[in-house]
PDB file of N, CA and C in Angstrom:
ATOM      1  N   MET A   1      58.658 160.284  70.790  1.00  0.00           N
ATOM      2  CA  MET A   1      58.242 159.987  69.445  1.00  0.00           C
ATOM      3  C   MET A   1      59.146 158.895  68.902  1.00  0.00           C
ATOM      4  N   PHE A   2      58.601 158.041  68.075  1.00  0.00           N
ATOM      5  CA  PHE A   2      59.351 156.886  67.622  1.00  0.00           C
ATOM      6  C   PHE A   2      59.349 156.733  66.130  1.00  0.00           C
ATOM      7  N   ASP A   3      60.425 156.269  65.639  1.00  0.00           N
ATOM      8  CA  ASP A   3      60.516 155.759  64.294  1.00  0.00           C
ATOM      9  C   ASP A   3      61.356 154.496  64.393  1.00  0.00           C
ATOM     10  N   LEU A   4      60.752 153.388  63.988  1.00  0.00           N
ATOM     11  CA  LEU A   4      61.444 152.123  64.186  1.00  0.00           C
ATOM     12  C   LEU A   4      62.239 151.664  62.981  1.00  0.00           C
ATOM     13  N   HIS A   5      62.385 152.486  61.999  1.00  0.00           N
ATOM     14  CA  HIS A   5      63.205 152.090  60.861  1.00  0.00           C
ATOM     15  C   HIS A   5      63.893 153.330  60.320  1.00  0.00           C
ATOM     16  N   GLY A   6      65.189 153.238  60.113  1.00  0.00           N
ATOM     17  CA  GLY A   6      65.958 154.361  59.613  1.00  0.00           C
ATOM     18  C   GLY A   6      65.456 154.870  58.272  1.00  0.00           C
ATOM     19  N   ARG A   7      65.797 156.103  57.971  1.00  0.00           N
ATOM     20  CA  ARG A   7      65.508 156.759  56.703  1.00  0.00           C
ATOM     21  C   ARG A   7      64.025 156.964  56.464  1.00  0.00           C
ATOM     22  N   SER A   8      63.240 157.141  57.477  1.00  0.00           N
ATOM     23  CA  SER A   8      61.808 157.286  57.320  1.00  0.00           C
ATOM     24  C   SER A   8      61.403 158.732  57.089  1.00  0.00           C
ATOM     25  N   VAL A   9      60.505 158.914  56.159  1.00  0.00           N
ATOM     26  CA  VAL A   9      59.918 160.228  55.914  1.00  0.00           C
ATOM     27  C   VAL A   9      59.159 160.681  57.158  1.00  0.00           C
ATOM     28  N   VAL A  10      58.558 159.758  57.855  1.00  0.00           N
ATOM     29  CA  VAL A  10      57.805 160.087  59.060  1.00  0.00           C
ATOM     30  C   VAL A  10      58.709 160.734  60.101  1.00  0.00           C
ATOM     31  N   ALA A  11      59.878 160.187  60.323  1.00  0.00           N
ATOM     32  CA  ALA A  11      60.804 160.745  61.304  1.00  0.00           C
ATOM     33  C   ALA A  11      61.203 162.161  60.923  1.00  0.00           C
ATOM     34  N   HIS A  12      61.497 162.387  59.654  1.00  0.00           N
ATOM     35  CA  HIS A  12      61.859 163.733  59.193  1.00  0.00           C
ATOM     36  C   HIS A  12      60.705 164.705  59.392  1.00  0.00           C
ATOM     37  N   THR A  13      59.497 164.271  59.111  1.00  0.00           N
ATOM     38  CA  THR A  13      58.322 165.117  59.285  1.00  0.00           C
ATOM     39  C   THR A  13      58.100 165.455  60.757  1.00  0.00           C
ATOM     40  N   LEU A  14      58.266 164.476  61.626  1.00  0.00           N
ATOM     41  CA  LEU A  14      58.097 164.726  63.053  1.00  0.00           C
ATOM     42  C   LEU A  14      59.122 165.729  63.577  1.00  0.00           C
ATOM     43  N   VAL A  15      60.362 165.575  63.177  1.00  0.00           N
ATOM     44  CA  VAL A  15      61.400 166.512  63.611  1.00  0.00           C
ATOM     45  C   VAL A  15      61.103 167.909  63.098  1.00  0.00           C
ATOM     46  N   LYS A  16      60.685 168.025  61.839  1.00  0.00           N
ATOM     47  CA  LYS A  16      60.349 169.343  61.282  1.00  0.00           C
ATOM     48  C   LYS A  16      59.196 169.999  62.032  1.00  0.00           C
ATOM     49  N   SER A  17      58.329 169.194  62.620  1.00  0.00           N
ATOM     50  CA  SER A  17      57.201 169.748  63.375  1.00  0.00           C
ATOM     51  C   SER A  17      57.580 170.073  64.816  1.00  0.00           C
ATOM     52  N   GLY A  18      58.843 169.803  65.193  1.00  0.00           N
ATOM     53  CA  GLY A  18      59.317 170.137  66.529  1.00  0.00           C
ATOM     54  C   GLY A  18      59.333 168.991  67.518  1.00  0.00           C
ATOM     55  N   ALA A  19      58.990 167.814  67.075  1.00  0.00           N
ATOM     56  CA  ALA A  19      58.948 166.654  67.973  1.00  0.00           C
ATOM     57  C   ALA A  19      60.354 166.103  68.208  1.00  0.00           C
ATOM     58  N   GLY A  20      60.535 165.486  69.366  1.00  0.00           N
ATOM     59  CA  GLY A  20      61.727 164.692  69.628  1.00  0.00           C
ATOM     60  C   GLY A  20      61.476 163.300  69.090  1.00  0.00           C
ATOM     61  N   VAL A  21      62.475 162.697  68.479  1.00  0.00           N
ATOM     62  CA  VAL A  21      62.312 161.405  67.824  1.00  0.00           C
ATOM     63  C   VAL A  21      63.373 160.430  68.316  1.00  0.00           C
ATOM     64  N   VAL A  22      62.945 159.240  68.670  1.00  0.00           N
ATOM     65  CA  VAL A  22      63.860 158.150  68.963  1.00  0.00           C
ATOM     66  C   VAL A  22      63.828 157.217  67.764  1.00  0.00           C
ATOM     67  N   VAL A  23      64.942 157.130  67.078  1.00  0.00           N
ATOM     68  CA  VAL A  23      65.096 156.173  65.991  1.00  0.00           C
ATOM     69  C   VAL A  23      65.561 154.890  66.659  1.00  0.00           C
ATOM     70  N   ALA A  24      64.763 153.855  66.570  1.00  0.00           N
ATOM     71  CA  ALA A  24      65.086 152.601  67.248  1.00  0.00           C
ATOM     72  C   ALA A  24      65.108 151.487  66.219  1.00  0.00           C
ATOM     73  N   ASP A  25      66.197 150.746  66.196  1.00  0.00           N
ATOM     74  CA  ASP A  25      66.357 149.716  65.175  1.00  0.00           C
ATOM     75  C   ASP A  25      67.379 148.698  65.655  1.00  0.00           C
ATOM     76  N   ILE A  26      67.361 147.533  65.057  1.00  0.00           N
ATOM     77  CA  ILE A  26      68.374 146.521  65.334  1.00  0.00           C
ATOM     78  C   ILE A  26      69.634 146.790  64.509  1.00  0.00           C
ATOM     79  N   LEU A  27      69.501 147.590  63.466  1.00  0.00           N
ATOM     80  CA  LEU A  27      70.614 147.951  62.592  1.00  0.00           C
ATOM     81  C   LEU A  27      71.270 149.216  63.134  1.00  0.00           C
ATOM     82  N   ASP A  28      72.279 149.041  63.969  1.00  0.00           N
ATOM     83  CA  ASP A  28      72.888 150.167  64.679  1.00  0.00           C
ATOM     84  C   ASP A  28      73.465 151.233  63.750  1.00  0.00           C
ATOM     85  N   ARG A  29      74.170 150.821  62.740  1.00  0.00           N
ATOM     86  CA  ARG A  29      74.811 151.799  61.844  1.00  0.00           C
ATOM     87  C   ARG A  29      73.757 152.631  61.114  1.00  0.00           C
ATOM     88  N   ASP A  30      72.753 151.972  60.550  1.00  0.00           N
ATOM     89  CA  ASP A  30      71.701 152.694  59.836  1.00  0.00           C
ATOM     90  C   ASP A  30      70.907 153.598  60.769  1.00  0.00           C
ATOM     91  N   GLY A  31      70.573 153.081  61.947  1.00  0.00           N
ATOM     92  CA  GLY A  31      69.807 153.876  62.903  1.00  0.00           C
ATOM     93  C   GLY A  31      70.571 155.084  63.398  1.00  0.00           C
ATOM     94  N   SER A  32      71.844 154.891  63.711  1.00  0.00           N
ATOM     95  CA  SER A  32      72.681 156.008  64.171  1.00  0.00           C
ATOM     96  C   SER A  32      72.822 157.067  63.087  1.00  0.00           C
ATOM     97  N   SER A  33      73.006 156.629  61.865  1.00  0.00           N
ATOM     98  CA  SER A  33      73.138 157.546  60.738  1.00  0.00           C
ATOM     99  C   SER A  33      71.859 158.362  60.545  1.00  0.00           C
ATOM    100  N   THR A  34      70.719 157.698  60.628  1.00  0.00           N
ATOM    101  CA  THR A  34      69.444 158.389  60.469  1.00  0.00           C
ATOM    102  C   THR A  34      69.246 159.413  61.576  1.00  0.00           C
ATOM    103  N   ALA A  35      69.519 159.031  62.812  1.00  0.00           N
ATOM    104  CA  ALA A  35      69.371 159.972  63.929  1.00  0.00           C
ATOM    105  C   ALA A  35      70.289 161.169  63.746  1.00  0.00           C
ATOM    106  N   ALA A  36      71.508 160.930  63.290  1.00  0.00           N
ATOM    107  CA  ALA A  36      72.447 162.032  63.062  1.00  0.00           C
ATOM    108  C   ALA A  36      71.931 162.971  61.977  1.00  0.00           C
ATOM    109  N   GLU A  37      71.358 162.419  60.915  1.00  0.00           N
ATOM    110  CA  GLU A  37      70.777 163.239  59.842  1.00  0.00           C
ATOM    111  C   GLU A  37      69.630 164.101  60.361  1.00  0.00           C
ATOM    112  N   LEU A  38      68.889 163.583  61.318  1.00  0.00           N
ATOM    113  CA  LEU A  38      67.732 164.302  61.852  1.00  0.00           C
ATOM    114  C   LEU A  38      68.123 165.462  62.762  1.00  0.00           C
ATOM    115  N   GLY A  39      69.311 165.418  63.312  1.00  0.00           N
ATOM    116  CA  GLY A  39      69.790 166.521  64.134  1.00  0.00           C
ATOM    117  C   GLY A  39      69.573 166.316  65.618  1.00  0.00           C
ATOM    118  N   SER A  40      69.645 167.418  66.343  1.00  0.00           N
ATOM    119  CA  SER A  40      69.650 167.367  67.804  1.00  0.00           C
ATOM    120  C   SER A  40      68.316 166.939  68.420  1.00  0.00           C
ATOM    121  N   GLN A  41      67.255 166.917  67.650  1.00  0.00           N
ATOM    122  CA  GLN A  41      65.950 166.496  68.166  1.00  0.00           C
ATOM    123  C   GLN A  41      65.752 164.993  68.039  1.00  0.00           C
ATOM    124  N   ALA A  42      66.807 164.273  67.673  1.00  0.00           N
ATOM    125  CA  ALA A  42      66.685 162.824  67.484  1.00  0.00           C
ATOM    126  C   ALA A  42      67.839 162.110  68.160  1.00  0.00           C
ATOM    127  N   VAL A  43      67.541 160.918  68.645  1.00  0.00           N
ATOM    128  CA  VAL A  43      68.553 160.030  69.209  1.00  0.00           C
ATOM    129  C   VAL A  43      68.309 158.632  68.660  1.00  0.00           C
ATOM    130  N   PHE A  44      69.361 157.833  68.684  1.00  0.00           N
ATOM    131  CA  PHE A  44      69.233 156.437  68.271  1.00  0.00           C
ATOM    132  C   PHE A  44      69.311 155.545  69.491  1.00  0.00           C
ATOM    133  N   ARG A  45      68.482 154.525  69.508  1.00  0.00           N
ATOM    134  CA  ARG A  45      68.547 153.477  70.524  1.00  0.00           C
ATOM    135  C   ARG A  45      68.415 152.123  69.836  1.00  0.00           C
ATOM    136  N   HIS A  46      69.269 151.189  70.235  1.00  0.00           N
ATOM    137  CA  HIS A  46      69.200 149.828  69.699  1.00  0.00           C
ATOM    138  C   HIS A  46      67.913 149.175  70.204  1.00  0.00           C
ATOM    139  N   LEU A  47      67.195 148.503  69.293  1.00  0.00           N
ATOM    140  CA  LEU A  47      65.963 147.823  69.687  1.00  0.00           C
ATOM    141  C   LEU A  47      65.746 146.596  68.821  1.00  0.00           C
ATOM    142  N   ASP A  48      65.659 145.448  69.479  1.00  0.00           N
ATOM    143  CA  ASP A  48      65.171 144.228  68.842  1.00  0.00           C
ATOM    144  C   ASP A  48      63.690 144.170  69.196  1.00  0.00           C
ATOM    145  N   VAL A  49      62.815 144.389  68.225  1.00  0.00           N
ATOM    146  CA  VAL A  49      61.384 144.519  68.504  1.00  0.00           C
ATOM    147  C   VAL A  49      60.758 143.250  69.053  1.00  0.00           C
ATOM    148  N   THR A  50      61.472 142.130  68.979  1.00  0.00           N
ATOM    149  CA  THR A  50      60.922 140.878  69.506  1.00  0.00           C
ATOM    150  C   THR A  50      61.203 140.709  70.999  1.00  0.00           C
ATOM    151  N   ASP A  51      61.873 141.675  71.607  1.00  0.00           N
ATOM    152  CA  ASP A  51      62.281 141.583  73.009  1.00  0.00           C
ATOM    153  C   ASP A  51      61.521 142.604  73.850  1.00  0.00           C
ATOM    154  N   GLU A  52      60.591 142.126  74.665  1.00  0.00           N
ATOM    155  CA  GLU A  52      59.758 143.020  75.479  1.00  0.00           C
ATOM    156  C   GLU A  52      60.584 143.894  76.419  1.00  0.00           C
ATOM    157  N   ASN A  53      61.646 143.345  76.981  1.00  0.00           N
ATOM    158  CA  ASN A  53      62.485 144.148  77.880  1.00  0.00           C
ATOM    159  C   ASN A  53      63.159 145.305  77.147  1.00  0.00           C
ATOM    160  N   GLN A  54      63.555 145.074  75.890  1.00  0.00           N
ATOM    161  CA  GLN A  54      64.143 146.163  75.119  1.00  0.00           C
ATOM    162  C   GLN A  54      63.100 147.233  74.808  1.00  0.00           C
ATOM    163  N   TRP A  55      61.879 146.836  74.527  1.00  0.00           N
ATOM    164  CA  TRP A  55      60.804 147.813  74.329  1.00  0.00           C
ATOM    165  C   TRP A  55      60.643 148.672  75.585  1.00  0.00           C
ATOM    166  N   ARG A  56      60.602 148.021  76.724  1.00  0.00           N
ATOM    167  CA  ARG A  56      60.434 148.743  77.992  1.00  0.00           C
ATOM    168  C   ARG A  56      61.573 149.745  78.188  1.00  0.00           C
ATOM    169  N   ARG A  57      62.802 149.289  77.961  1.00  0.00           N
ATOM    170  CA  ARG A  57      63.970 150.158  78.130  1.00  0.00           C
ATOM    171  C   ARG A  57      63.925 151.351  77.182  1.00  0.00           C
ATOM    172  N   VAL A  58      63.624 151.106  75.913  1.00  0.00           N
ATOM    173  CA  VAL A  58      63.618 152.185  74.919  1.00  0.00           C
ATOM    174  C   VAL A  58      62.486 153.172  75.193  1.00  0.00           C
ATOM    175  N   LEU A  59      61.320 152.683  75.548  1.00  0.00           N
ATOM    176  CA  LEU A  59      60.216 153.598  75.866  1.00  0.00           C
ATOM    177  C   LEU A  59      60.518 154.420  77.118  1.00  0.00           C
ATOM    178  N   ASP A  60      61.085 153.796  78.134  1.00  0.00           N
ATOM    179  CA  ASP A  60      61.474 154.543  79.339  1.00  0.00           C
ATOM    180  C   ASP A  60      62.502 155.612  78.999  1.00  0.00           C
ATOM    181  N   ASP A  61      63.470 155.254  78.170  1.00  0.00           N
ATOM    182  CA  ASP A  61      64.496 156.203  77.771  1.00  0.00           C
ATOM    183  C   ASP A  61      63.902 157.339  76.937  1.00  0.00           C
ATOM    184  N   ALA A  62      62.964 157.029  76.067  1.00  0.00           N
ATOM    185  CA  ALA A  62      62.315 158.060  75.251  1.00  0.00           C
ATOM    186  C   ALA A  62      61.625 159.087  76.138  1.00  0.00           C
ATOM    187  N   GLU A  63      60.919 158.609  77.155  1.00  0.00           N
ATOM    188  CA  GLU A  63      60.234 159.533  78.069  1.00  0.00           C
ATOM    189  C   GLU A  63      61.232 160.341  78.896  1.00  0.00           C
ATOM    190  N   ALA A  64      62.305 159.726  79.310  1.00  0.00           N
ATOM    191  CA  ALA A  64      63.318 160.453  80.076  1.00  0.00           C
ATOM    192  C   ALA A  64      63.995 161.519  79.217  1.00  0.00           C
ATOM    193  N   THR A  65      64.152 161.254  77.935  1.00  0.00           N
ATOM    194  CA  THR A  65      64.838 162.172  77.033  1.00  0.00           C
ATOM    195  C   THR A  65      63.923 163.279  76.523  1.00  0.00           C
ATOM    196  N   PHE A  66      62.700 162.929  76.125  1.00  0.00           N
ATOM    197  CA  PHE A  66      61.824 163.886  75.447  1.00  0.00           C
ATOM    198  C   PHE A  66      60.514 164.186  76.162  1.00  0.00           C
ATOM    199  N   GLY A  67      60.255 163.526  77.280  1.00  0.00           N
ATOM    200  CA  GLY A  67      58.987 163.738  77.970  1.00  0.00           C
ATOM    201  C   GLY A  67      57.980 162.670  77.596  1.00  0.00           C
ATOM    202  N   PRO A  68      56.738 162.856  78.023  1.00  0.00           N
ATOM    203  CA  PRO A  68      55.709 161.824  77.814  1.00  0.00           C
ATOM    204  C   PRO A  68      55.547 161.432  76.343  1.00  0.00           C
ATOM    205  N   LEU A  69      55.384 160.148  76.120  1.00  0.00           N
ATOM    206  CA  LEU A  69      55.185 159.612  74.780  1.00  0.00           C
ATOM    207  C   LEU A  69      53.858 160.108  74.227  1.00  0.00           C
ATOM    208  N   ALA A  70      53.881 160.610  72.993  1.00  0.00           N
ATOM    209  CA  ALA A  70      52.662 161.091  72.355  1.00  0.00           C
ATOM    210  C   ALA A  70      52.316 160.284  71.106  1.00  0.00           C
ATOM    211  N   VAL A  71      53.320 159.685  70.465  1.00  0.00           N
ATOM    212  CA  VAL A  71      53.123 158.976  69.199  1.00  0.00           C
ATOM    213  C   VAL A  71      54.044 157.760  69.162  1.00  0.00           C
ATOM    214  N   LEU A  72      53.552 156.677  68.600  1.00  0.00           N
ATOM    215  CA  LEU A  72      54.389 155.519  68.305  1.00  0.00           C
ATOM    216  C   LEU A  72      54.247 155.223  66.819  1.00  0.00           C
ATOM    217  N   VAL A  73      55.341 155.307  66.095  1.00  0.00           N
ATOM    218  CA  VAL A  73      55.375 154.864  64.698  1.00  0.00           C
ATOM    219  C   VAL A  73      56.039 153.499  64.740  1.00  0.00           C
ATOM    220  N   ASN A  74      55.226 152.487  64.678  1.00  0.00           N
ATOM    221  CA  ASN A  74      55.668 151.111  64.909  1.00  0.00           C
ATOM    222  C   ASN A  74      55.762 150.410  63.558  1.00  0.00           C
ATOM    223  N   ASN A  75      56.865 150.660  62.837  1.00  0.00           N
ATOM    224  CA  ASN A  75      56.927 150.188  61.461  1.00  0.00           C
ATOM    225  C   ASN A  75      58.071 149.217  61.170  1.00  0.00           C
ATOM    226  N   ALA A  76      58.491 148.478  62.158  1.00  0.00           N
ATOM    227  CA  ALA A  76      59.518 147.466  61.913  1.00  0.00           C
ATOM    228  C   ALA A  76      58.928 146.328  61.094  1.00  0.00           C
ATOM    229  N   GLY A  77      59.709 145.784  60.220  1.00  0.00           N
ATOM    230  CA  GLY A  77      59.251 144.641  59.448  1.00  0.00           C
ATOM    231  C   GLY A  77      60.371 144.099  58.584  1.00  0.00           C
ATOM    232  N   ILE A  78      60.279 142.825  58.274  1.00  0.00           N
ATOM    233  CA  ILE A  78      61.271 142.186  57.408  1.00  0.00           C
ATOM    234  C   ILE A  78      60.548 141.366  56.352  1.00  0.00           C
ATOM    235  N   LEU A  79      61.278 141.075  55.284  1.00  0.00           N
ATOM    236  CA  LEU A  79      60.777 140.212  54.212  1.00  0.00           C
ATOM    237  C   LEU A  79      61.715 139.037  54.050  1.00  0.00           C
ATOM    238  N   ASP A  80      61.164 137.919  53.679  1.00  0.00           N
ATOM    239  CA  ASP A  80      61.951 136.760  53.299  1.00  0.00           C
ATOM    240  C   ASP A  80      61.329 136.234  52.019  1.00  0.00           C
ATOM    241  N   PHE A  81      62.049 136.389  50.922  1.00  0.00           N
ATOM    242  CA  PHE A  81      61.486 136.058  49.619  1.00  0.00           C
ATOM    243  C   PHE A  81      61.585 134.584  49.256  1.00  0.00           C
ATOM    244  N   GLY A  82      61.975 133.751  50.185  1.00  0.00           N
ATOM    245  CA  GLY A  82      62.035 132.324  49.910  1.00  0.00           C
ATOM    246  C   GLY A  82      60.632 131.751  49.755  1.00  0.00           C
ATOM    247  N   GLY A  83      60.524 130.727  48.949  1.00  0.00           N
ATOM    248  CA  GLY A  83      59.247 130.049  48.790  1.00  0.00           C
ATOM    249  C   GLY A  83      58.991 129.099  49.949  1.00  0.00           C
ATOM    250  N   VAL A  84      57.778 128.669  50.080  1.00  0.00           N
ATOM    251  CA  VAL A  84      57.405 127.796  51.187  1.00  0.00           C
ATOM    252  C   VAL A  84      58.215 126.505  51.163  1.00  0.00           C
ATOM    253  N   GLU A  85      58.620 126.055  49.992  1.00  0.00           N
ATOM    254  CA  GLU A  85      59.385 124.815  49.905  1.00  0.00           C
ATOM    255  C   GLU A  85      60.851 124.986  50.306  1.00  0.00           C
ATOM    256  N   SER A  86      61.361 126.230  50.233  1.00  0.00           N
ATOM    257  CA  SER A  86      62.774 126.438  50.555  1.00  0.00           C
ATOM    258  C   SER A  86      62.993 127.140  51.889  1.00  0.00           C
ATOM    259  N   GLU A  87      61.980 127.772  52.403  1.00  0.00           N
ATOM    260  CA  GLU A  87      62.130 128.486  53.672  1.00  0.00           C
ATOM    261  C   GLU A  87      62.018 127.504  54.838  1.00  0.00           C
ATOM    262  N   SER A  88      62.882 127.666  55.823  1.00  0.00           N
ATOM    263  CA  SER A  88      62.825 126.779  56.976  1.00  0.00           C
ATOM    264  C   SER A  88      61.759 127.273  57.955  1.00  0.00           C
ATOM    265  N   PRO A  89      61.266 126.384  58.792  1.00  0.00           N
ATOM    266  CA  PRO A  89      60.330 126.819  59.821  1.00  0.00           C
ATOM    267  C   PRO A  89      60.927 127.916  60.710  1.00  0.00           C
ATOM    268  N   ALA A  90      62.223 127.856  60.993  1.00  0.00           N
ATOM    269  CA  ALA A  90      62.863 128.879  61.820  1.00  0.00           C
ATOM    270  C   ALA A  90      62.836 130.243  61.135  1.00  0.00           C
ATOM    271  N   GLN A  91      63.094 130.268  59.816  1.00  0.00           N
ATOM    272  CA  GLN A  91      63.029 131.526  59.079  1.00  0.00           C
ATOM    273  C   GLN A  91      61.612 132.090  59.103  1.00  0.00           C
ATOM    274  N   PHE A  92      60.628 131.234  58.889  1.00  0.00           N
ATOM    275  CA  PHE A  92      59.228 131.665  58.907  1.00  0.00           C
ATOM    276  C   PHE A  92      58.847 132.219  60.274  1.00  0.00           C
ATOM    277  N   ARG A  93      59.254 131.535  61.339  1.00  0.00           N
ATOM    278  CA  ARG A  93      58.953 132.012  62.691  1.00  0.00           C
ATOM    279  C   ARG A  93      59.627 133.356  62.972  1.00  0.00           C
ATOM    280  N   HIS A  94      60.836 133.550  62.455  1.00  0.00           N
ATOM    281  CA  HIS A  94      61.530 134.822  62.654  1.00  0.00           C
ATOM    282  C   HIS A  94      60.752 135.972  61.998  1.00  0.00           C
ATOM    283  N   VAL A  95      60.262 135.754  60.785  1.00  0.00           N
ATOM    284  CA  VAL A  95      59.462 136.775  60.111  1.00  0.00           C
ATOM    285  C   VAL A  95      58.216 137.082  60.939  1.00  0.00           C
ATOM    286  N   LEU A  96      57.545 136.060  61.421  1.00  0.00           N
ATOM    287  CA  LEU A  96      56.357 136.272  62.261  1.00  0.00           C
ATOM    288  C   LEU A  96      56.714 137.000  63.551  1.00  0.00           C
ATOM    289  N   ASP A  97      57.820 136.623  64.168  1.00  0.00           N
ATOM    290  CA  ASP A  97      58.233 137.277  65.415  1.00  0.00           C
ATOM    291  C   ASP A  97      58.466 138.769  65.222  1.00  0.00           C
ATOM    292  N   VAL A  98      59.157 139.136  64.152  1.00  0.00           N
ATOM    293  CA  VAL A  98      59.429 140.557  63.901  1.00  0.00           C
ATOM    294  C   VAL A  98      58.163 141.280  63.469  1.00  0.00           C
ATOM    295  N   ASN A  99      57.483 140.760  62.461  1.00  0.00           N
ATOM    296  CA  ASN A  99      56.370 141.481  61.848  1.00  0.00           C
ATOM    297  C   ASN A  99      55.085 141.465  62.670  1.00  0.00           C
ATOM    298  N   LEU A 100      54.843 140.421  63.410  1.00  0.00           N
ATOM    299  CA  LEU A 100      53.601 140.335  64.186  1.00  0.00           C
ATOM    300  C   LEU A 100      53.849 140.536  65.678  1.00  0.00           C
ATOM    301  N   ALA A 101      54.668 139.683  66.261  1.00  0.00           N
ATOM    302  CA  ALA A 101      54.907 139.798  67.705  1.00  0.00           C
ATOM    303  C   ALA A 101      55.608 141.108  68.035  1.00  0.00           C
ATOM    304  N   GLY A 102      56.566 141.522  67.216  1.00  0.00           N
ATOM    305  CA  GLY A 102      57.275 142.774  67.463  1.00  0.00           C
ATOM    306  C   GLY A 102      56.347 143.968  67.424  1.00  0.00           C
ATOM    307  N   ALA A 103      55.475 144.001  66.424  1.00  0.00           N
ATOM    308  CA  ALA A 103      54.506 145.093  66.329  1.00  0.00           C
ATOM    309  C   ALA A 103      53.556 145.077  67.527  1.00  0.00           C
ATOM    310  N   TRP A 104      53.115 143.898  67.918  1.00  0.00           N
ATOM    311  CA  TRP A 104      52.210 143.799  69.054  1.00  0.00           C
ATOM    312  C   TRP A 104      52.900 144.244  70.342  1.00  0.00           C
ATOM    313  N   LEU A 105      54.129 143.794  70.566  1.00  0.00           N
ATOM    314  CA  LEU A 105      54.845 144.167  71.788  1.00  0.00           C
ATOM    315  C   LEU A 105      55.007 145.682  71.899  1.00  0.00           C
ATOM    316  N   GLY A 106      55.386 146.332  70.797  1.00  0.00           N
ATOM    317  CA  GLY A 106      55.540 147.786  70.826  1.00  0.00           C
ATOM    318  C   GLY A 106      54.233 148.491  71.107  1.00  0.00           C
ATOM    319  N   THR A 107      53.172 148.060  70.455  1.00  0.00           N
ATOM    320  CA  THR A 107      51.856 148.665  70.678  1.00  0.00           C
ATOM    321  C   THR A 107      51.396 148.427  72.107  1.00  0.00           C
ATOM    322  N   HIS A 108      51.607 147.229  72.591  1.00  0.00           N
ATOM    323  CA  HIS A 108      51.215 146.887  73.959  1.00  0.00           C
ATOM    324  C   HIS A 108      51.941 147.773  74.972  1.00  0.00           C
ATOM    325  N   ARG A 109      53.273 147.874  74.849  1.00  0.00           N
ATOM    326  CA  ARG A 109      54.051 148.688  75.800  1.00  0.00           C
ATOM    327  C   ARG A 109      53.670 150.157  75.696  1.00  0.00           C
ATOM    328  N   ALA A 110      53.493 150.657  74.479  1.00  0.00           N
ATOM    329  CA  ALA A 110      53.145 152.083  74.312  1.00  0.00           C
ATOM    330  C   ALA A 110      51.742 152.366  74.846  1.00  0.00           C
ATOM    331  N   ALA A 111      50.821 151.435  74.681  1.00  0.00           N
ATOM    332  CA  ALA A 111      49.455 151.647  75.177  1.00  0.00           C
ATOM    333  C   ALA A 111      49.416 151.840  76.683  1.00  0.00           C
ATOM    334  N   LEU A 112      50.401 151.295  77.364  1.00  0.00           N
ATOM    335  CA  LEU A 112      50.453 151.442  78.826  1.00  0.00           C
ATOM    336  C   LEU A 112      50.834 152.851  79.244  1.00  0.00           C
ATOM    337  N   VAL A 113      51.466 153.623  78.346  1.00  0.00           N
ATOM    338  CA  VAL A 113      51.923 154.971  78.721  1.00  0.00           C
ATOM    339  C   VAL A 113      51.308 156.090  77.892  1.00  0.00           C
ATOM    340  N   LEU A 114      50.701 155.768  76.750  1.00  0.00           N
ATOM    341  CA  LEU A 114      50.087 156.815  75.937  1.00  0.00           C
ATOM    342  C   LEU A 114      48.829 157.348  76.628  1.00  0.00           C
ATOM    343  N   PRO A 115      48.559 158.654  76.486  1.00  0.00           N
ATOM    344  CA  PRO A 115      47.343 159.199  77.073  1.00  0.00           C
ATOM    345  C   PRO A 115      46.106 158.589  76.400  1.00  0.00           C
ATOM    346  N   ALA A 116      45.062 158.454  77.170  1.00  0.00           N
ATOM    347  CA  ALA A 116      43.819 157.839  76.651  1.00  0.00           C
ATOM    348  C   ALA A 116      43.095 158.777  75.704  1.00  0.00           C
TER     349      ALA A 116
END
């Protein structure tokens, strides 16, 4: 089971229902803290959602730790409040990479292992 952002109500609900949860985030301190709050049914794993190899590693680890993947909560996302005139193309691409490519990569990798 996955929660890609710390402090999620979804992660707490999943743990209360008896699920194992992998809190995966690029923010190590926040992710570790959230997993610790969730208790023994949760672990933290570092994940940059824009990196397909990290997705593969985290999903493999989730299955090794908790068994077959049943749910993916793929909710990573960032905001950049700069206007189009002040935001650089690199900043814009980073937002797209996290919010679009990152979401797609996670869904793609999970679809390969989720039951039909």
